[in-house]
């Protein structure tokens, strides 16, 4: 499922000129948030403290994503576990790491109630957690450790300046992590280092840009990719859509080659 993005905004709500068709497919905020969360494994778990009672208590935790839900392997000795035993309400904040302005990076806060797992759910969730955190095998079977799940009811997603919304549980559950995401950094590096001419061709053929001296790919997903194009009026954002959504990362090369051929034919 894709959504229309309404332009690119910067600080002070200053709108940049859009040189591409804003109706082209882009990931929904639910897809963007889930994709980001699926690539992270640490965050801040916020529970309602018992000392003093009722105050928000944030603690650094490791987690894994299992069936769209964050799961934790936590000890009863931990303050956050004692808090959950008293009040199951919680939230988990996760954020991207990177250079530059940290507020321009993505983050998501997932809210809901936590539950201690048992039975078949415990077996499956524990295996998923250990796949993400194999070093936890050392203490996973200690009697004071249990697997807890955060049942996500809503998500506050912020993708940087000007990109934010509430994502509700039905949209979250219906979404899937973008298959390109784990390989995006390598694709972007390859295109910028080895195919600078192709990026210029994309801009000239598939946007309203008339003069582009250079272009840099800055993002890619299963629906398309973003570039920053150097124009006489300064850098401008340009997005180009694939002919159809990609199902796996291996499809990206063929899709990019096809677009180069079409761009140069124009």
C-alpha atoms as a PDB file:
ATOM      1  CA  UNK A   1       0.000   0.000   0.000  1.00  0.00           C
ATOM      2  CA  UNK A   2       1.391   3.441  -0.906  1.00  0.00           C
ATOM      3  CA  UNK A   3       0.511   6.980   0.052  1.00  0.00           C
ATOM      4  CA  UNK A   4       0.859  10.384  -1.504  1.00  0.00           C
ATOM      5  CA  UNK A   5       3.582  12.526  -0.003  1.00  0.00           C
ATOM      6  CA  UNK A   6       2.738  16.203   0.092  1.00  0.00           C
ATOM      7  CA  UNK A   7       6.032  17.846  -0.759  1.00  0.00           C
ATOM      8  CA  UNK A   8       9.225  18.280   1.205  1.00  0.00           C
ATOM      9  CA  UNK A   9       9.351  20.613   4.165  1.00  0.00           C
ATOM     10  CA  UNK A  10      12.284  22.005   6.055  1.00  0.00           C
ATOM     11  CA  UNK A  11      12.726  23.969   9.248  1.00  0.00           C
ATOM     12  CA  UNK A  12      10.317  26.827   9.713  1.00  0.00           C
ATOM     13  CA  UNK A  13       7.834  25.014   7.427  1.00  0.00           C
ATOM     14  CA  UNK A  14       9.599  26.383   4.332  1.00  0.00           C
ATOM     15  CA  UNK A  15       8.373  24.479   1.316  1.00  0.00           C
ATOM     16  CA  UNK A  16      10.828  23.469  -1.390  1.00  0.00           C
ATOM     17  CA  UNK A  17       9.920  23.470  -5.053  1.00  0.00           C
ATOM     18  CA  UNK A  18       8.792  20.005  -6.098  1.00  0.00           C
ATOM     19  CA  UNK A  19      10.093  18.934  -9.491  1.00  0.00           C
ATOM     20  CA  UNK A  20       8.421  15.537  -9.626  1.00  0.00           C
ATOM     21  CA  UNK A  21       4.916  14.120  -9.603  1.00  0.00           C
ATOM     22  CA  UNK A  22       3.908  13.937  -5.945  1.00  0.00           C
ATOM     23  CA  UNK A  23       1.321  11.238  -6.678  1.00  0.00           C
ATOM     24  CA  UNK A  24       3.922   8.584  -7.491  1.00  0.00           C
ATOM     25  CA  UNK A  25       3.941   5.633  -5.070  1.00  0.00           C
ATOM     26  CA  UNK A  26       5.826   5.963  -1.796  1.00  0.00           C
ATOM     27  CA  UNK A  27       5.845   3.815   1.356  1.00  0.00           C
ATOM     28  CA  UNK A  28       3.153   4.551   3.903  1.00  0.00           C
ATOM     29  CA  UNK A  29       4.190   5.767   7.326  1.00  0.00           C
ATOM     30  CA  UNK A  30       3.225   2.343   8.682  1.00  0.00           C
ATOM     31  CA  UNK A  31       5.620   0.708   6.210  1.00  0.00           C
ATOM     32  CA  UNK A  32       8.371   3.211   6.948  1.00  0.00           C
ATOM     33  CA  UNK A  33       8.011   2.768  10.706  1.00  0.00           C
ATOM     34  CA  UNK A  34       7.888  -1.027  10.568  1.00  0.00           C
ATOM     35  CA  UNK A  35      10.860  -1.147   8.210  1.00  0.00           C
ATOM     36  CA  UNK A  36      12.902   0.991  10.584  1.00  0.00           C
ATOM     37  CA  UNK A  37      11.909  -0.961  13.695  1.00  0.00           C
ATOM     38  CA  UNK A  38      12.709  -4.294  11.989  1.00  0.00           C
ATOM     39  CA  UNK A  39      16.310  -3.180  11.491  1.00  0.00           C
ATOM     40  CA  UNK A  40      16.885  -2.079  15.087  1.00  0.00           C
ATOM     41  CA  UNK A  41      17.438  -4.187  18.199  1.00  0.00           C
ATOM     42  CA  UNK A  42      17.791  -1.701  21.074  1.00  0.00           C
ATOM     43  CA  UNK A  43      15.576   1.014  22.440  1.00  0.00           C
ATOM     44  CA  UNK A  44      14.200   2.746  25.508  1.00  0.00           C
ATOM     45  CA  UNK A  45      11.442   0.879  27.342  1.00  0.00           C
ATOM     46  CA  UNK A  46       9.245   3.255  29.321  1.00  0.00           C
ATOM     47  CA  UNK A  47       7.181   1.811  32.163  1.00  0.00           C
ATOM     48  CA  UNK A  48       5.227   3.340  35.034  1.00  0.00           C
ATOM     49  CA  UNK A  49       7.501   3.379  38.040  1.00  0.00           C
ATOM     50  CA  UNK A  50       6.693   1.993  41.445  1.00  0.00           C
ATOM     51  CA  UNK A  51       9.351   4.103  43.240  1.00  0.00           C
ATOM     52  CA  UNK A  52       7.836   6.694  43.316  1.00  0.00           C
ATOM     53  CA  UNK A  53       4.644   5.233  41.959  1.00  0.00           C
ATOM     54  CA  UNK A  54       3.305   6.534  38.681  1.00  0.00           C
ATOM     55  CA  UNK A  55       6.368   8.327  37.338  1.00  0.00           C
ATOM     56  CA  UNK A  56       7.549   7.313  33.826  1.00  0.00           C
ATOM     57  CA  UNK A  57      10.667   5.172  34.065  1.00  0.00           C
ATOM     58  CA  UNK A  58      12.886   4.751  30.992  1.00  0.00           C
ATOM     59  CA  UNK A  59      15.436   1.976  30.665  1.00  0.00           C
ATOM     60  CA  UNK A  60      17.734   0.792  27.899  1.00  0.00           C
ATOM     61  CA  UNK A  61      16.697  -2.633  26.573  1.00  0.00           C
ATOM     62  CA  UNK A  62      17.394  -5.061  23.771  1.00  0.00           C
ATOM     63  CA  UNK A  63      14.421  -6.344  21.788  1.00  0.00           C
ATOM     64  CA  UNK A  64      13.438  -8.374  18.739  1.00  0.00           C
ATOM     65  CA  UNK A  65      10.449  -7.992  16.454  1.00  0.00           C
ATOM     66  CA  UNK A  66       8.134 -10.999  16.442  1.00  0.00           C
ATOM     67  CA  UNK A  67       4.836 -10.949  14.519  1.00  0.00           C
ATOM     68  CA  UNK A  68       4.850  -7.129  14.479  1.00  0.00           C
ATOM     69  CA  UNK A  69       5.410  -7.006  18.247  1.00  0.00           C
ATOM     70  CA  UNK A  70       8.591  -6.090  20.150  1.00  0.00           C
ATOM     71  CA  UNK A  71       9.640  -8.842  22.545  1.00  0.00           C
ATOM     72  CA  UNK A  72      12.005  -8.596  25.504  1.00  0.00           C
ATOM     73  CA  UNK A  73      13.960 -11.121  27.558  1.00  0.00           C
ATOM     74  CA  UNK A  74      14.015  -9.463  30.966  1.00  0.00           C
ATOM     75  CA  UNK A  75      14.734 -10.400  34.561  1.00  0.00           C
ATOM     76  CA  UNK A  76      12.447  -9.966  37.536  1.00  0.00           C
ATOM     77  CA  UNK A  77      15.404  -8.220  39.194  1.00  0.00           C
ATOM     78  CA  UNK A  78      15.074  -5.360  36.687  1.00  0.00           C
ATOM     79  CA  UNK A  79      13.125  -2.279  37.712  1.00  0.00           C
ATOM     80  CA  UNK A  80      11.146  -2.244  34.457  1.00  0.00           C
ATOM     81  CA  UNK A  81       9.967  -5.818  35.039  1.00  0.00           C
ATOM     82  CA  UNK A  82       8.735  -4.949  38.513  1.00  0.00           C
ATOM     83  CA  UNK A  83       6.937  -1.967  37.006  1.00  0.00           C
ATOM     84  CA  UNK A  84       5.233  -4.154  34.373  1.00  0.00           C
ATOM     85  CA  UNK A  85       4.084  -6.609  37.035  1.00  0.00           C
ATOM     86  CA  UNK A  86       2.344  -3.664  38.724  1.00  0.00           C
ATOM     87  CA  UNK A  87       1.088  -1.887  35.562  1.00  0.00           C
ATOM     88  CA  UNK A  88       1.344  -3.443  32.104  1.00  0.00           C
ATOM     89  CA  UNK A  89       1.177  -0.139  30.201  1.00  0.00           C
ATOM     90  CA  UNK A  90       4.420   0.696  28.409  1.00  0.00           C
ATOM     91  CA  UNK A  91       6.048   2.245  25.360  1.00  0.00           C
ATOM     92  CA  UNK A  92       9.200   1.505  23.414  1.00  0.00           C
ATOM     93  CA  UNK A  93      11.169   4.282  21.719  1.00  0.00           C
ATOM     94  CA  UNK A  94      13.579   3.309  18.943  1.00  0.00           C
ATOM     95  CA  UNK A  95      15.635   5.634  16.771  1.00  0.00           C
ATOM     96  CA  UNK A  96      17.983   5.539  13.820  1.00  0.00           C
ATOM     97  CA  UNK A  97      21.668   6.299  14.260  1.00  0.00           C
ATOM     98  CA  UNK A  98      23.588   8.432  11.817  1.00  0.00           C
ATOM     99  CA  UNK A  99      25.652  11.515  11.201  1.00  0.00           C
ATOM    100  CA  UNK A 100      24.420  15.078  11.091  1.00  0.00           C
ATOM    101  CA  UNK A 101      21.341  16.503  12.787  1.00  0.00           C
ATOM    102  CA  UNK A 102      19.880  13.733  14.994  1.00  0.00           C
ATOM    103  CA  UNK A 103      16.400  15.275  14.724  1.00  0.00           C
ATOM    104  CA  UNK A 104      16.498  14.685  10.967  1.00  0.00           C
ATOM    105  CA  UNK A 105      16.720  10.926  11.569  1.00  0.00           C
ATOM    106  CA  UNK A 106      13.799   8.547  11.998  1.00  0.00           C
ATOM    107  CA  UNK A 107      12.306   7.330  15.257  1.00  0.00           C
ATOM    108  CA  UNK A 108       9.169   5.596  16.446  1.00  0.00           C
ATOM    109  CA  UNK A 109       7.406   5.213  19.781  1.00  0.00           C
ATOM    110  CA  UNK A 110       5.246   2.091  20.100  1.00  0.00           C
ATOM    111  CA  UNK A 111       2.576   2.155  22.809  1.00  0.00           C
ATOM    112  CA  UNK A 112       0.526  -0.649  24.298  1.00  0.00           C
ATOM    113  CA  UNK A 113       0.272  -3.203  27.090  1.00  0.00           C
ATOM    114  CA  UNK A 114       2.969  -5.751  27.851  1.00  0.00           C
ATOM    115  CA  UNK A 115       2.288  -9.381  28.650  1.00  0.00           C
ATOM    116  CA  UNK A 116       4.458 -12.217  29.895  1.00  0.00           C
ATOM    117  CA  UNK A 117       4.428 -15.062  27.384  1.00  0.00           C
ATOM    118  CA  UNK A 118       3.926 -18.748  28.046  1.00  0.00           C
ATOM    119  CA  UNK A 119       3.272 -21.991  26.155  1.00  0.00           C
ATOM    120  CA  UNK A 120       3.820 -22.125  22.399  1.00  0.00           C
ATOM    121  CA  UNK A 121       4.062 -18.343  22.166  1.00  0.00           C
ATOM    122  CA  UNK A 122       6.952 -18.386  24.608  1.00  0.00           C
ATOM    123  CA  UNK A 123       8.826 -21.022  22.584  1.00  0.00           C
ATOM    124  CA  UNK A 124       8.393 -19.156  19.293  1.00  0.00           C
ATOM    125  CA  UNK A 125       9.130 -15.712  20.684  1.00  0.00           C
ATOM    126  CA  UNK A 126      12.172 -16.886  22.605  1.00  0.00           C
ATOM    127  CA  UNK A 127      13.625 -18.458  19.451  1.00  0.00           C
ATOM    128  CA  UNK A 128      13.042 -15.184  17.559  1.00  0.00           C
ATOM    129  CA  UNK A 129      14.719 -13.194  20.308  1.00  0.00           C
ATOM    130  CA  UNK A 130      17.769 -15.467  20.413  1.00  0.00           C
ATOM    131  CA  UNK A 131      18.101 -15.290  16.645  1.00  0.00           C
ATOM    132  CA  UNK A 132      18.467 -11.522  16.985  1.00  0.00           C
ATOM    133  CA  UNK A 133      20.538 -11.663  20.185  1.00  0.00           C
ATOM    134  CA  UNK A 134      22.487 -14.968  20.175  1.00  0.00           C
ATOM    135  CA  UNK A 135      24.656 -13.868  23.118  1.00  0.00           C
ATOM    136  CA  UNK A 136      21.529 -14.009  25.312  1.00  0.00           C
ATOM    137  CA  UNK A 137      21.661 -17.830  25.181  1.00  0.00           C
ATOM    138  CA  UNK A 138      24.030 -17.620  28.134  1.00  0.00           C
ATOM    139  CA  UNK A 139      21.280 -16.446  30.499  1.00  0.00           C
ATOM    140  CA  UNK A 140      18.052 -17.153  28.585  1.00  0.00           C
ATOM    141  CA  UNK A 141      17.187 -20.180  30.730  1.00  0.00           C
ATOM    142  CA  UNK A 142      17.883 -18.553  34.082  1.00  0.00           C
ATOM    143  CA  UNK A 143      14.799 -18.865  36.272  1.00  0.00           C
ATOM    144  CA  UNK A 144      14.465 -15.117  36.837  1.00  0.00           C
ATOM    145  CA  UNK A 145      14.278 -14.344  33.090  1.00  0.00           C
ATOM    146  CA  UNK A 146      11.034 -14.265  31.117  1.00  0.00           C
ATOM    147  CA  UNK A 147       9.929 -13.224  27.641  1.00  0.00           C
ATOM    148  CA  UNK A 148       7.529 -10.293  27.473  1.00  0.00           C
ATOM    149  CA  UNK A 149       5.677  -8.905  24.461  1.00  0.00           C
ATOM    150  CA  UNK A 150       4.496  -5.370  23.810  1.00  0.00           C
ATOM    151  CA  UNK A 151       1.068  -5.534  22.163  1.00  0.00           C
ATOM    152  CA  UNK A 152       1.312  -2.477  19.925  1.00  0.00           C
ATOM    153  CA  UNK A 153      -1.871  -0.382  19.922  1.00  0.00           C
ATOM    154  CA  UNK A 154      -0.515   2.743  18.219  1.00  0.00           C
ATOM    155  CA  UNK A 155       2.771   4.152  16.970  1.00  0.00           C
ATOM    156  CA  UNK A 156       4.036   7.700  16.776  1.00  0.00           C
ATOM    157  CA  UNK A 157       6.299   7.794  13.731  1.00  0.00           C
ATOM    158  CA  UNK A 158       8.696  10.647  12.957  1.00  0.00           C
ATOM    159  CA  UNK A 159      10.781  10.322   9.815  1.00  0.00           C
ATOM    160  CA  UNK A 160      12.648  13.578  10.298  1.00  0.00           C
ATOM    161  CA  UNK A 161      11.506  17.163   9.802  1.00  0.00           C
ATOM    162  CA  UNK A 162       8.033  17.413   8.296  1.00  0.00           C
ATOM    163  CA  UNK A 163       7.323  13.660   8.136  1.00  0.00           C
ATOM    164  CA  UNK A 164       5.297  12.468  11.117  1.00  0.00           C
ATOM    165  CA  UNK A 165       1.956  10.892  11.999  1.00  0.00           C
ATOM    166  CA  UNK A 166       0.174   8.455  14.264  1.00  0.00           C
ATOM    167  CA  UNK A 167       0.031   4.907  12.896  1.00  0.00           C
ATOM    168  CA  UNK A 168      -2.756   2.745  14.265  1.00  0.00           C
ATOM    169  CA  UNK A 169      -2.583  -0.978  14.926  1.00  0.00           C
ATOM    170  CA  UNK A 170      -4.575  -2.208  11.856  1.00  0.00           C
ATOM    171  CA  UNK A 171      -2.222  -0.381   9.452  1.00  0.00           C
ATOM    172  CA  UNK A 172       0.807  -1.584  11.420  1.00  0.00           C
ATOM    173  CA  UNK A 173      -0.361  -5.205  11.306  1.00  0.00           C
ATOM    174  CA  UNK A 174      -1.167  -5.012   7.584  1.00  0.00           C
ATOM    175  CA  UNK A 175       2.292  -3.704   6.658  1.00  0.00           C
ATOM    176  CA  UNK A 176       5.528  -5.531   5.937  1.00  0.00           C
ATOM    177  CA  UNK A 177       9.143  -4.390   6.254  1.00  0.00           C
ATOM    178  CA  UNK A 178      10.518  -3.111   2.955  1.00  0.00           C
ATOM    179  CA  UNK A 179      12.617  -5.879   1.339  1.00  0.00           C
ATOM    180  CA  UNK A 180      15.103  -3.361  -0.054  1.00  0.00           C
ATOM    181  CA  UNK A 181      15.949  -1.763   3.290  1.00  0.00           C
ATOM    182  CA  UNK A 182      18.694  -4.179   4.478  1.00  0.00           C
ATOM    183  CA  UNK A 183      20.546  -3.624   1.201  1.00  0.00           C
ATOM    184  CA  UNK A 184      19.770   0.049   0.570  1.00  0.00           C
ATOM    185  CA  UNK A 185      23.111   1.424   1.784  1.00  0.00           C
ATOM    186  CA  UNK A 186      25.057  -0.779  -0.640  1.00  0.00           C
ATOM    187  CA  UNK A 187      22.782   0.070  -3.577  1.00  0.00           C
ATOM    188  CA  UNK A 188      23.025   3.797  -2.866  1.00  0.00           C
ATOM    189  CA  UNK A 189      26.821   3.671  -2.567  1.00  0.00           C
ATOM    190  CA  UNK A 190      27.127   1.711  -5.822  1.00  0.00           C
ATOM    191  CA  UNK A 191      24.885   4.081  -7.767  1.00  0.00           C
ATOM    192  CA  UNK A 192      26.621   7.205  -6.474  1.00  0.00           C
ATOM    193  CA  UNK A 193      30.131   5.891  -7.084  1.00  0.00           C
ATOM    194  CA  UNK A 194      29.669   4.038 -10.384  1.00  0.00           C
ATOM    195  CA  UNK A 195      26.580   5.447 -12.106  1.00  0.00           C
ATOM    196  CA  UNK A 196      26.597   9.197 -11.615  1.00  0.00           C
ATOM    197  CA  UNK A 197      25.607   9.704 -15.260  1.00  0.00           C
ATOM    198  CA  UNK A 198      22.567   7.478 -14.864  1.00  0.00           C
ATOM    199  CA  UNK A 199      21.343   9.577 -11.929  1.00  0.00           C
ATOM    200  CA  UNK A 200      21.450  12.712 -14.052  1.00  0.00           C
ATOM    201  CA  UNK A 201      19.510  10.890 -16.781  1.00  0.00           C
ATOM    202  CA  UNK A 202      16.817   9.896 -14.278  1.00  0.00           C
ATOM    203  CA  UNK A 203      16.408  13.510 -13.171  1.00  0.00           C
ATOM    204  CA  UNK A 204      16.146  14.932 -16.679  1.00  0.00           C
ATOM    205  CA  UNK A 205      13.793  12.251 -17.992  1.00  0.00           C
ATOM    206  CA  UNK A 206      11.464  11.697 -15.059  1.00  0.00           C
ATOM    207  CA  UNK A 207      11.134  15.139 -13.469  1.00  0.00           C
ATOM    208  CA  UNK A 208      10.596  18.757 -14.416  1.00  0.00           C
ATOM    209  CA  UNK A 209      14.262  19.577 -13.872  1.00  0.00           C
ATOM    210  CA  UNK A 210      15.729  21.116 -17.039  1.00  0.00           C
ATOM    211  CA  UNK A 211      19.328  21.572 -15.933  1.00  0.00           C
ATOM    212  CA  UNK A 212      21.082  19.119 -13.606  1.00  0.00           C
ATOM    213  CA  UNK A 213      24.848  19.233 -13.175  1.00  0.00           C
ATOM    214  CA  UNK A 214      25.004  16.267 -10.819  1.00  0.00           C
ATOM    215  CA  UNK A 215      22.732  14.114  -8.684  1.00  0.00           C
ATOM    216  CA  UNK A 216      23.107  11.955  -5.606  1.00  0.00           C
ATOM    217  CA  UNK A 217      20.896   9.041  -4.647  1.00  0.00           C
ATOM    218  CA  UNK A 218      19.837   9.523  -1.035  1.00  0.00           C
ATOM    219  CA  UNK A 219      17.234   6.788  -0.521  1.00  0.00           C
ATOM    220  CA  UNK A 220      15.691   3.707  -2.111  1.00  0.00           C
ATOM    221  CA  UNK A 221      12.728   1.474  -1.285  1.00  0.00           C
ATOM    222  CA  UNK A 222      10.602  -1.099  -3.053  1.00  0.00           C
ATOM    223  CA  UNK A 223       8.474   1.623  -4.700  1.00  0.00           C
ATOM    224  CA  UNK A 224      11.261   3.853  -6.029  1.00  0.00           C
ATOM    225  CA  UNK A 225      14.181   6.047  -5.025  1.00  0.00           C
ATOM    226  CA  UNK A 226      15.064   9.621  -4.046  1.00  0.00           C
ATOM    227  CA  UNK A 227      17.820  11.854  -5.350  1.00  0.00           C
ATOM    228  CA  UNK A 228      19.208  15.276  -4.536  1.00  0.00           C
ATOM    229  CA  UNK A 229      19.744  17.058  -7.855  1.00  0.00           C
ATOM    230  CA  UNK A 230      22.105  20.008  -8.252  1.00  0.00           C
ATOM    231  CA  UNK A 231      20.278  22.649 -10.318  1.00  0.00           C
ATOM    232  CA  UNK A 232      20.897  26.338 -11.066  1.00  0.00           C
ATOM    233  CA  UNK A 233      18.464  27.078  -8.227  1.00  0.00           C
ATOM    234  CA  UNK A 234      20.329  24.870  -5.777  1.00  0.00           C
ATOM    235  CA  UNK A 235      19.765  21.267  -4.663  1.00  0.00           C
ATOM    236  CA  UNK A 236      16.268  19.919  -5.324  1.00  0.00           C
ATOM    237  CA  UNK A 237      14.637  16.650  -4.204  1.00  0.00           C
ATOM    238  CA  UNK A 238      13.513  14.278  -6.935  1.00  0.00           C
ATOM    239  CA  UNK A 239      11.744  10.936  -6.566  1.00  0.00           C
ATOM    240  CA  UNK A 240      11.449   8.343  -9.315  1.00  0.00           C
ATOM    241  CA  UNK A 241       9.072   5.373  -9.129  1.00  0.00           C
ATOM    242  CA  UNK A 242       9.789   1.850 -10.310  1.00  0.00           C
ATOM    243  CA  UNK A 243       7.405   0.407 -12.906  1.00  0.00           C
ATOM    244  CA  UNK A 244       6.133  -1.942 -10.192  1.00  0.00           C
ATOM    245  CA  UNK A 245       7.040  -2.535  -6.538  1.00  0.00           C
ATOM    246  CA  UNK A 246      10.107  -4.717  -6.044  1.00  0.00           C
ATOM    247  CA  UNK A 247       9.621  -7.980  -4.195  1.00  0.00           C
ATOM    248  CA  UNK A 248      13.273  -8.592  -3.296  1.00  0.00           C
ATOM    249  CA  UNK A 249      16.553  -6.707  -3.246  1.00  0.00           C
ATOM    250  CA  UNK A 250      17.892  -8.658  -6.221  1.00  0.00           C
ATOM    251  CA  UNK A 251      15.227  -7.009  -8.387  1.00  0.00           C
ATOM    252  CA  UNK A 252      16.692  -3.540  -7.842  1.00  0.00           C
ATOM    253  CA  UNK A 253      19.495  -3.837 -10.391  1.00  0.00           C
ATOM    254  CA  UNK A 254      17.188  -4.842 -13.233  1.00  0.00           C
ATOM    255  CA  UNK A 255      14.671  -2.134 -12.351  1.00  0.00           C
ATOM    256  CA  UNK A 256      17.356   0.571 -12.286  1.00  0.00           C
ATOM    257  CA  UNK A 257      18.802  -0.612 -15.606  1.00  0.00           C
ATOM    258  CA  UNK A 258      15.345  -0.571 -17.217  1.00  0.00           C
ATOM    259  CA  UNK A 259      14.795   3.008 -16.057  1.00  0.00           C
ATOM    260  CA  UNK A 260      18.184   4.070 -17.471  1.00  0.00           C
ATOM    261  CA  UNK A 261      17.205   2.690 -20.863  1.00  0.00           C
ATOM    262  CA  UNK A 262      13.881   4.512 -20.773  1.00  0.00           C
ATOM    263  CA  UNK A 263      15.513   7.735 -19.609  1.00  0.00           C
ATOM    264  CA  UNK A 264      18.106   7.720 -22.370  1.00  0.00           C
ATOM    265  CA  UNK A 265      15.492   6.822 -24.965  1.00  0.00           C
ATOM    266  CA  UNK A 266      13.732  10.069 -24.080  1.00  0.00           C
END
